[in-house]
């Protein structure tokens, strides 16, 4: 994947090529998509948000890190958080999505940026860094792909590296129930059940890495810290490979069901 380019002019009036400016406003398409996502989600399940929603930053760089068990995860996070925060969320999505007739148009106009999952996409990492440097909010799934069982899988280290380099605060989210409604491998969701999205308190990942940690181990240590925060927001049976490492979750107020 490469950044989209646009022509600008140097001081002498000559055209130059540079990254296309990032859009951080909530466009009518995004507002409509959020509303539509809520309506569709309510059509297949009952959604309940709990946790520190009032602590999610409304401005400045932000990483929203969530577990990934279903295609329903993204729509639920976007449909409920975008109106609550009053700000646009940027996403990194598989590039194949942009080839689909309707979904591709929605992705292009809904804040999703294409990622080549077949290789280490350096351009995607640079774009994610630029989104944060520009004060944007970026939603990521550290596991990289949907869990076939619904429980946490071992995460990749890309999100931890991004957080360490950018210094952006992270808001962890643990979503439970989406795998039951729309598991990996199933073409369409089946109605029923209940989905709970629990929002954790924001934290700076670099502040939690123990001083003196060997440089070669920093990425692994930081990734484990991040995933422990997400695991703490999930029921014990969904903590997967991080079950023995999750700290006790702190009870917090719940929002009404959506």
C-alpha atoms as a PDB file:
ATOM      1  CA  UNK A   1       0.000   0.000   0.000  1.00  0.00           C
ATOM      2  CA  UNK A   2       1.180   3.480  -0.756  1.00  0.00           C
ATOM      3  CA  UNK A   3       0.018   6.840   0.541  1.00  0.00           C
ATOM      4  CA  UNK A   4      -2.287   8.710  -1.773  1.00  0.00           C
ATOM      5  CA  UNK A   5      -0.459  11.651  -3.326  1.00  0.00           C
ATOM      6  CA  UNK A   6      -1.484  15.105  -4.437  1.00  0.00           C
ATOM      7  CA  UNK A   7       0.304  17.870  -6.310  1.00  0.00           C
ATOM      8  CA  UNK A   8       1.543  20.892  -4.388  1.00  0.00           C
ATOM      9  CA  UNK A   9       3.793  23.795  -5.398  1.00  0.00           C
ATOM     10  CA  UNK A  10       7.253  24.569  -4.107  1.00  0.00           C
ATOM     11  CA  UNK A  11       8.370  28.178  -3.370  1.00  0.00           C
ATOM     12  CA  UNK A  12       9.268  28.581  -7.060  1.00  0.00           C
ATOM     13  CA  UNK A  13       5.851  27.500  -8.236  1.00  0.00           C
ATOM     14  CA  UNK A  14       6.966  24.108  -9.462  1.00  0.00           C
ATOM     15  CA  UNK A  15       4.643  21.151  -8.812  1.00  0.00           C
ATOM     16  CA  UNK A  16       5.723  18.635  -6.198  1.00  0.00           C
ATOM     17  CA  UNK A  17       4.125  15.448  -4.978  1.00  0.00           C
ATOM     18  CA  UNK A  18       3.286  14.834  -1.317  1.00  0.00           C
ATOM     19  CA  UNK A  19       0.914  12.878   0.894  1.00  0.00           C
ATOM     20  CA  UNK A  20      -2.736  13.734   0.519  1.00  0.00           C
ATOM     21  CA  UNK A  21      -3.933  15.774   3.531  1.00  0.00           C
ATOM     22  CA  UNK A  22      -5.756  13.698   6.128  1.00  0.00           C
ATOM     23  CA  UNK A  23      -9.432  14.357   6.796  1.00  0.00           C
ATOM     24  CA  UNK A  24     -10.429  14.267  10.466  1.00  0.00           C
ATOM     25  CA  UNK A  25     -13.962  15.626  10.281  1.00  0.00           C
ATOM     26  CA  UNK A  26     -17.057  13.460  10.525  1.00  0.00           C
ATOM     27  CA  UNK A  27     -18.536  13.596   7.027  1.00  0.00           C
ATOM     28  CA  UNK A  28     -22.226  12.970   6.258  1.00  0.00           C
ATOM     29  CA  UNK A  29     -21.235   9.529   4.933  1.00  0.00           C
ATOM     30  CA  UNK A  30     -19.585   8.653   8.251  1.00  0.00           C
ATOM     31  CA  UNK A  31     -22.556   9.947  10.269  1.00  0.00           C
ATOM     32  CA  UNK A  32     -24.911   7.903   8.100  1.00  0.00           C
ATOM     33  CA  UNK A  33     -22.669   4.832   8.346  1.00  0.00           C
ATOM     34  CA  UNK A  34     -22.594   5.106  12.152  1.00  0.00           C
ATOM     35  CA  UNK A  35     -26.379   5.380  12.293  1.00  0.00           C
ATOM     36  CA  UNK A  36     -26.799   2.520   9.854  1.00  0.00           C
ATOM     37  CA  UNK A  37     -24.322   0.409  11.806  1.00  0.00           C
ATOM     38  CA  UNK A  38     -26.289   0.894  15.011  1.00  0.00           C
ATOM     39  CA  UNK A  39     -29.532  -0.043  13.315  1.00  0.00           C
ATOM     40  CA  UNK A  40     -28.063  -3.165  11.715  1.00  0.00           C
ATOM     41  CA  UNK A  41     -26.341  -4.207  14.944  1.00  0.00           C
ATOM     42  CA  UNK A  42     -29.586  -3.855  16.866  1.00  0.00           C
ATOM     43  CA  UNK A  43     -31.215  -6.008  14.231  1.00  0.00           C
ATOM     44  CA  UNK A  44     -29.024  -9.000  15.045  1.00  0.00           C
ATOM     45  CA  UNK A  45     -28.124  -8.598  18.717  1.00  0.00           C
ATOM     46  CA  UNK A  46     -28.396  -6.440  21.842  1.00  0.00           C
ATOM     47  CA  UNK A  47     -25.398  -4.161  22.350  1.00  0.00           C
ATOM     48  CA  UNK A  48     -24.289  -2.826  25.726  1.00  0.00           C
ATOM     49  CA  UNK A  49     -21.393  -0.440  26.390  1.00  0.00           C
ATOM     50  CA  UNK A  50     -19.736  -0.336  29.795  1.00  0.00           C
ATOM     51  CA  UNK A  51     -16.647   1.195  31.285  1.00  0.00           C
ATOM     52  CA  UNK A  52     -14.756   4.434  30.933  1.00  0.00           C
ATOM     53  CA  UNK A  53     -16.567   5.959  27.959  1.00  0.00           C
ATOM     54  CA  UNK A  54     -16.383   9.372  29.631  1.00  0.00           C
ATOM     55  CA  UNK A  55     -12.581   9.142  29.709  1.00  0.00           C
ATOM     56  CA  UNK A  56     -12.063   8.594  25.976  1.00  0.00           C
ATOM     57  CA  UNK A  57     -10.164  11.666  24.658  1.00  0.00           C
ATOM     58  CA  UNK A  58     -12.216  13.828  22.306  1.00  0.00           C
ATOM     59  CA  UNK A  59      -9.151  15.349  20.656  1.00  0.00           C
ATOM     60  CA  UNK A  60      -5.461  14.686  20.057  1.00  0.00           C
ATOM     61  CA  UNK A  61      -3.729  11.482  18.913  1.00  0.00           C
ATOM     62  CA  UNK A  62      -5.454   8.326  20.099  1.00  0.00           C
ATOM     63  CA  UNK A  63      -5.089   4.572  19.573  1.00  0.00           C
ATOM     64  CA  UNK A  64      -8.220   2.486  20.143  1.00  0.00           C
ATOM     65  CA  UNK A  65      -7.077  -1.115  20.622  1.00  0.00           C
ATOM     66  CA  UNK A  66      -9.667  -3.887  20.525  1.00  0.00           C
ATOM     67  CA  UNK A  67      -9.777  -7.670  20.465  1.00  0.00           C
ATOM     68  CA  UNK A  68     -10.977  -9.179  17.196  1.00  0.00           C
ATOM     69  CA  UNK A  69     -13.415 -12.085  17.171  1.00  0.00           C
ATOM     70  CA  UNK A  70     -15.901 -11.140  14.453  1.00  0.00           C
ATOM     71  CA  UNK A  71     -16.679  -8.917  11.462  1.00  0.00           C
ATOM     72  CA  UNK A  72     -19.151  -7.254  13.825  1.00  0.00           C
ATOM     73  CA  UNK A  73     -16.397  -5.758  16.020  1.00  0.00           C
ATOM     74  CA  UNK A  74     -15.540  -2.818  13.767  1.00  0.00           C
ATOM     75  CA  UNK A  75     -19.137  -1.713  13.087  1.00  0.00           C
ATOM     76  CA  UNK A  76     -19.973  -1.811  16.796  1.00  0.00           C
ATOM     77  CA  UNK A  77     -16.902   0.193  17.838  1.00  0.00           C
ATOM     78  CA  UNK A  78     -17.402   2.760  15.084  1.00  0.00           C
ATOM     79  CA  UNK A  79     -21.179   3.070  15.350  1.00  0.00           C
ATOM     80  CA  UNK A  80     -21.153   3.714  19.088  1.00  0.00           C
ATOM     81  CA  UNK A  81     -17.834   5.524  19.660  1.00  0.00           C
ATOM     82  CA  UNK A  82     -17.923   7.996  16.783  1.00  0.00           C
ATOM     83  CA  UNK A  83     -21.133   9.706  18.018  1.00  0.00           C
ATOM     84  CA  UNK A  84     -19.962   9.464  21.644  1.00  0.00           C
ATOM     85  CA  UNK A  85     -16.558  11.032  20.938  1.00  0.00           C
ATOM     86  CA  UNK A  86     -17.747  13.441  18.274  1.00  0.00           C
ATOM     87  CA  UNK A  87     -14.694  12.660  16.166  1.00  0.00           C
ATOM     88  CA  UNK A  88     -13.728  10.590  13.157  1.00  0.00           C
ATOM     89  CA  UNK A  89     -12.027   7.224  13.588  1.00  0.00           C
ATOM     90  CA  UNK A  90      -9.422   6.060  11.089  1.00  0.00           C
ATOM     91  CA  UNK A  91      -9.103   2.344  10.348  1.00  0.00           C
ATOM     92  CA  UNK A  92      -6.611   0.089   8.591  1.00  0.00           C
ATOM     93  CA  UNK A  93      -8.537  -2.463   6.500  1.00  0.00           C
ATOM     94  CA  UNK A  94      -7.577  -5.263   4.133  1.00  0.00           C
ATOM     95  CA  UNK A  95      -7.029  -3.895   0.639  1.00  0.00           C
ATOM     96  CA  UNK A  96      -9.298  -6.545  -0.906  1.00  0.00           C
ATOM     97  CA  UNK A  97     -12.246  -4.752   0.687  1.00  0.00           C
ATOM     98  CA  UNK A  98     -11.793  -1.828  -1.704  1.00  0.00           C
ATOM     99  CA  UNK A  99     -12.500  -4.059  -4.716  1.00  0.00           C
ATOM    100  CA  UNK A 100     -16.072  -4.802  -3.557  1.00  0.00           C
ATOM    101  CA  UNK A 101     -18.720  -2.625  -5.278  1.00  0.00           C
ATOM    102  CA  UNK A 102     -20.633  -1.061  -2.371  1.00  0.00           C
ATOM    103  CA  UNK A 103     -18.420  -1.862   0.610  1.00  0.00           C
ATOM    104  CA  UNK A 104     -15.375  -0.543  -1.256  1.00  0.00           C
ATOM    105  CA  UNK A 105     -17.018   2.858  -1.739  1.00  0.00           C
ATOM    106  CA  UNK A 106     -18.071   2.985   1.914  1.00  0.00           C
ATOM    107  CA  UNK A 107     -14.564   2.027   3.016  1.00  0.00           C
ATOM    108  CA  UNK A 108     -12.934   4.703   0.890  1.00  0.00           C
ATOM    109  CA  UNK A 109     -15.309   7.367   2.182  1.00  0.00           C
ATOM    110  CA  UNK A 110     -15.587   6.088   5.746  1.00  0.00           C
ATOM    111  CA  UNK A 111     -12.059   6.600   7.042  1.00  0.00           C
ATOM    112  CA  UNK A 112     -10.664   3.143   6.158  1.00  0.00           C
ATOM    113  CA  UNK A 113      -7.166   2.911   4.671  1.00  0.00           C
ATOM    114  CA  UNK A 114      -6.081  -0.172   2.674  1.00  0.00           C
ATOM    115  CA  UNK A 115      -3.462  -2.564   4.054  1.00  0.00           C
ATOM    116  CA  UNK A 116      -1.656  -5.370   2.240  1.00  0.00           C
ATOM    117  CA  UNK A 117      -1.855  -8.232   4.755  1.00  0.00           C
ATOM    118  CA  UNK A 118       0.307 -10.534   2.623  1.00  0.00           C
ATOM    119  CA  UNK A 119       3.482  -8.735   3.695  1.00  0.00           C
ATOM    120  CA  UNK A 120       4.907  -6.335   6.231  1.00  0.00           C
ATOM    121  CA  UNK A 121       3.230  -3.178   4.972  1.00  0.00           C
ATOM    122  CA  UNK A 122       5.719  -0.430   5.759  1.00  0.00           C
ATOM    123  CA  UNK A 123       3.591   2.169   3.998  1.00  0.00           C
ATOM    124  CA  UNK A 124       0.609   1.276   6.201  1.00  0.00           C
ATOM    125  CA  UNK A 125       2.720   1.717   9.340  1.00  0.00           C
ATOM    126  CA  UNK A 126       3.918   5.095   8.084  1.00  0.00           C
ATOM    127  CA  UNK A 127       0.357   6.152   7.350  1.00  0.00           C
ATOM    128  CA  UNK A 128      -0.780   5.052  10.825  1.00  0.00           C
ATOM    129  CA  UNK A 129       2.058   7.087  12.318  1.00  0.00           C
ATOM    130  CA  UNK A 130       1.051  10.100  10.238  1.00  0.00           C
ATOM    131  CA  UNK A 131      -2.582   9.807  11.381  1.00  0.00           C
ATOM    132  CA  UNK A 132      -1.456   9.987  15.013  1.00  0.00           C
ATOM    133  CA  UNK A 133       1.079  12.733  14.378  1.00  0.00           C
ATOM    134  CA  UNK A 134      -1.745  14.728  12.795  1.00  0.00           C
ATOM    135  CA  UNK A 135      -3.856  14.340  15.937  1.00  0.00           C
ATOM    136  CA  UNK A 136      -6.200  11.669  14.618  1.00  0.00           C
ATOM    137  CA  UNK A 137      -7.882   8.690  16.277  1.00  0.00           C
ATOM    138  CA  UNK A 138      -6.925   5.266  14.950  1.00  0.00           C
ATOM    139  CA  UNK A 139      -8.702   1.977  15.739  1.00  0.00           C
ATOM    140  CA  UNK A 140      -6.550  -1.147  15.538  1.00  0.00           C
ATOM    141  CA  UNK A 141      -6.858  -4.861  16.239  1.00  0.00           C
ATOM    142  CA  UNK A 142      -3.496  -6.022  17.702  1.00  0.00           C
ATOM    143  CA  UNK A 143      -4.224  -9.673  16.876  1.00  0.00           C
ATOM    144  CA  UNK A 144      -4.271  -8.771  13.196  1.00  0.00           C
ATOM    145  CA  UNK A 145      -7.054 -11.175  12.266  1.00  0.00           C
ATOM    146  CA  UNK A 146     -10.263 -12.589  13.718  1.00  0.00           C
ATOM    147  CA  UNK A 147      -9.973 -15.295  16.340  1.00  0.00           C
ATOM    148  CA  UNK A 148     -11.488 -18.601  15.162  1.00  0.00           C
ATOM    149  CA  UNK A 149     -12.586 -19.411  18.731  1.00  0.00           C
ATOM    150  CA  UNK A 150     -13.495 -15.921  19.935  1.00  0.00           C
ATOM    151  CA  UNK A 151     -10.729 -16.019  22.577  1.00  0.00           C
ATOM    152  CA  UNK A 152      -7.639 -13.822  22.478  1.00  0.00           C
ATOM    153  CA  UNK A 153      -4.862 -14.956  20.163  1.00  0.00           C
ATOM    154  CA  UNK A 154      -1.214 -14.033  20.397  1.00  0.00           C
ATOM    155  CA  UNK A 155      -0.912 -10.458  19.182  1.00  0.00           C
ATOM    156  CA  UNK A 156       1.501  -9.045  16.648  1.00  0.00           C
ATOM    157  CA  UNK A 157       3.887  -6.361  17.845  1.00  0.00           C
ATOM    158  CA  UNK A 158       3.013  -3.652  15.295  1.00  0.00           C
ATOM    159  CA  UNK A 159       0.501  -1.811  17.490  1.00  0.00           C
ATOM    160  CA  UNK A 160       2.874  -1.761  20.461  1.00  0.00           C
ATOM    161  CA  UNK A 161       5.663  -0.354  18.290  1.00  0.00           C
ATOM    162  CA  UNK A 162       3.289   2.289  16.940  1.00  0.00           C
ATOM    163  CA  UNK A 163       2.230   3.268  20.459  1.00  0.00           C
ATOM    164  CA  UNK A 164       5.805   3.416  21.766  1.00  0.00           C
ATOM    165  CA  UNK A 165       7.054   5.538  18.882  1.00  0.00           C
ATOM    166  CA  UNK A 166       4.089   7.911  18.788  1.00  0.00           C
ATOM    167  CA  UNK A 167       3.522   8.261  22.529  1.00  0.00           C
ATOM    168  CA  UNK A 168      -0.219   8.332  21.799  1.00  0.00           C
ATOM    169  CA  UNK A 169      -2.575   7.248  24.580  1.00  0.00           C
ATOM    170  CA  UNK A 170      -4.321   3.903  24.146  1.00  0.00           C
ATOM    171  CA  UNK A 171      -7.947   3.182  24.972  1.00  0.00           C
ATOM    172  CA  UNK A 172      -8.360  -0.618  25.301  1.00  0.00           C
ATOM    173  CA  UNK A 173     -11.696  -2.218  24.438  1.00  0.00           C
ATOM    174  CA  UNK A 174     -12.816  -5.761  25.159  1.00  0.00           C
ATOM    175  CA  UNK A 175     -15.766  -6.960  23.080  1.00  0.00           C
ATOM    176  CA  UNK A 176     -17.572 -10.129  24.143  1.00  0.00           C
ATOM    177  CA  UNK A 177     -20.392 -11.864  22.310  1.00  0.00           C
ATOM    178  CA  UNK A 178     -19.690 -10.929  18.684  1.00  0.00           C
ATOM    179  CA  UNK A 179     -18.172 -14.345  17.972  1.00  0.00           C
ATOM    180  CA  UNK A 180     -21.444 -15.994  18.965  1.00  0.00           C
ATOM    181  CA  UNK A 181     -23.411 -13.760  16.605  1.00  0.00           C
ATOM    182  CA  UNK A 182     -21.020 -13.765  13.647  1.00  0.00           C
ATOM    183  CA  UNK A 183     -18.102 -16.224  14.000  1.00  0.00           C
ATOM    184  CA  UNK A 184     -15.216 -16.377  11.591  1.00  0.00           C
ATOM    185  CA  UNK A 185     -16.069 -18.537   8.577  1.00  0.00           C
ATOM    186  CA  UNK A 186     -19.800 -17.778   8.689  1.00  0.00           C
ATOM    187  CA  UNK A 187     -21.020 -15.705   5.755  1.00  0.00           C
ATOM    188  CA  UNK A 188     -23.820 -13.891   7.568  1.00  0.00           C
ATOM    189  CA  UNK A 189     -24.642 -13.160  11.231  1.00  0.00           C
ATOM    190  CA  UNK A 190     -27.469 -14.993  12.944  1.00  0.00           C
ATOM    191  CA  UNK A 191     -29.723 -12.939  15.241  1.00  0.00           C
ATOM    192  CA  UNK A 192     -29.680 -13.394  18.977  1.00  0.00           C
ATOM    193  CA  UNK A 193     -27.451 -13.128  22.000  1.00  0.00           C
ATOM    194  CA  UNK A 194     -25.896 -10.109  23.629  1.00  0.00           C
ATOM    195  CA  UNK A 195     -22.739  -8.153  22.845  1.00  0.00           C
ATOM    196  CA  UNK A 196     -20.878  -6.215  25.530  1.00  0.00           C
ATOM    197  CA  UNK A 197     -18.168  -3.706  24.668  1.00  0.00           C
ATOM    198  CA  UNK A 198     -16.172  -2.735  27.747  1.00  0.00           C
ATOM    199  CA  UNK A 199     -14.000   0.371  27.515  1.00  0.00           C
ATOM    200  CA  UNK A 200     -10.874   0.606  29.642  1.00  0.00           C
ATOM    201  CA  UNK A 201      -9.122   3.658  30.990  1.00  0.00           C
ATOM    202  CA  UNK A 202      -6.632   5.406  28.653  1.00  0.00           C
ATOM    203  CA  UNK A 203      -2.939   4.734  29.276  1.00  0.00           C
ATOM    204  CA  UNK A 204       0.467   5.536  27.783  1.00  0.00           C
ATOM    205  CA  UNK A 205       2.163   2.255  26.901  1.00  0.00           C
ATOM    206  CA  UNK A 206       5.700   3.603  27.246  1.00  0.00           C
ATOM    207  CA  UNK A 207       5.015   4.566  30.860  1.00  0.00           C
ATOM    208  CA  UNK A 208       4.247   0.946  31.744  1.00  0.00           C
ATOM    209  CA  UNK A 209       7.321  -0.725  30.263  1.00  0.00           C
ATOM    210  CA  UNK A 210       9.672  -1.511  33.179  1.00  0.00           C
ATOM    211  CA  UNK A 211      12.797   0.682  33.232  1.00  0.00           C
ATOM    212  CA  UNK A 212      15.894  -1.148  32.069  1.00  0.00           C
ATOM    213  CA  UNK A 213      13.992  -3.564  29.810  1.00  0.00           C
ATOM    214  CA  UNK A 214      16.366  -5.037  27.235  1.00  0.00           C
ATOM    215  CA  UNK A 215      15.909  -3.254  23.898  1.00  0.00           C
ATOM    216  CA  UNK A 216      15.482  -6.566  22.111  1.00  0.00           C
ATOM    217  CA  UNK A 217      12.608  -7.473  24.416  1.00  0.00           C
ATOM    218  CA  UNK A 218      10.781  -4.128  24.499  1.00  0.00           C
ATOM    219  CA  UNK A 219       8.328  -4.947  21.687  1.00  0.00           C
ATOM    220  CA  UNK A 220       7.333  -8.264  23.248  1.00  0.00           C
ATOM    221  CA  UNK A 221       7.008  -6.789  26.740  1.00  0.00           C
ATOM    222  CA  UNK A 222       4.962  -3.819  25.477  1.00  0.00           C
ATOM    223  CA  UNK A 223       2.679  -6.095  23.450  1.00  0.00           C
ATOM    224  CA  UNK A 224       2.020  -8.275  26.495  1.00  0.00           C
ATOM    225  CA  UNK A 225       1.204  -5.212  28.617  1.00  0.00           C
ATOM    226  CA  UNK A 226      -1.256  -3.982  25.985  1.00  0.00           C
ATOM    227  CA  UNK A 227      -2.947  -7.362  25.642  1.00  0.00           C
ATOM    228  CA  UNK A 228      -3.223  -7.761  29.413  1.00  0.00           C
ATOM    229  CA  UNK A 229      -5.207  -4.515  29.478  1.00  0.00           C
ATOM    230  CA  UNK A 230      -7.572  -5.852  26.821  1.00  0.00           C
ATOM    231  CA  UNK A 231      -7.809  -9.274  28.507  1.00  0.00           C
ATOM    232  CA  UNK A 232      -8.844  -7.629  31.772  1.00  0.00           C
ATOM    233  CA  UNK A 233     -11.918  -6.253  29.990  1.00  0.00           C
ATOM    234  CA  UNK A 234     -13.053  -9.678  28.788  1.00  0.00           C
ATOM    235  CA  UNK A 235     -14.735 -12.587  30.579  1.00  0.00           C
ATOM    236  CA  UNK A 236     -12.136 -15.152  31.771  1.00  0.00           C
ATOM    237  CA  UNK A 237     -13.150 -17.686  29.104  1.00  0.00           C
ATOM    238  CA  UNK A 238     -12.264 -15.211  26.319  1.00  0.00           C
ATOM    239  CA  UNK A 239      -8.816 -14.210  27.574  1.00  0.00           C
ATOM    240  CA  UNK A 240      -7.171 -17.009  25.619  1.00  0.00           C
ATOM    241  CA  UNK A 241      -3.373 -16.980  25.617  1.00  0.00           C
ATOM    242  CA  UNK A 242      -3.415 -14.015  28.032  1.00  0.00           C
ATOM    243  CA  UNK A 243      -5.667 -15.711  30.596  1.00  0.00           C
ATOM    244  CA  UNK A 244      -2.944 -16.085  33.221  1.00  0.00           C
ATOM    245  CA  UNK A 245      -1.636 -12.566  32.743  1.00  0.00           C
ATOM    246  CA  UNK A 246      -4.751 -10.404  32.888  1.00  0.00           C
ATOM    247  CA  UNK A 247      -4.931  -8.114  35.934  1.00  0.00           C
ATOM    248  CA  UNK A 248      -8.185  -7.849  37.832  1.00  0.00           C
ATOM    249  CA  UNK A 249     -10.585  -5.576  36.009  1.00  0.00           C
ATOM    250  CA  UNK A 250     -11.892  -2.568  37.870  1.00  0.00           C
ATOM    251  CA  UNK A 251     -15.713  -2.409  37.922  1.00  0.00           C
ATOM    252  CA  UNK A 252     -17.142   0.666  36.293  1.00  0.00           C
ATOM    253  CA  UNK A 253     -20.500   2.171  35.402  1.00  0.00           C
ATOM    254  CA  UNK A 254     -22.479   0.823  32.487  1.00  0.00           C
ATOM    255  CA  UNK A 255     -24.253   2.724  29.766  1.00  0.00           C
ATOM    256  CA  UNK A 256     -27.775   1.840  28.653  1.00  0.00           C
ATOM    257  CA  UNK A 257     -28.155  -0.932  26.113  1.00  0.00           C
ATOM    258  CA  UNK A 258     -28.189   0.080  22.500  1.00  0.00           C
END
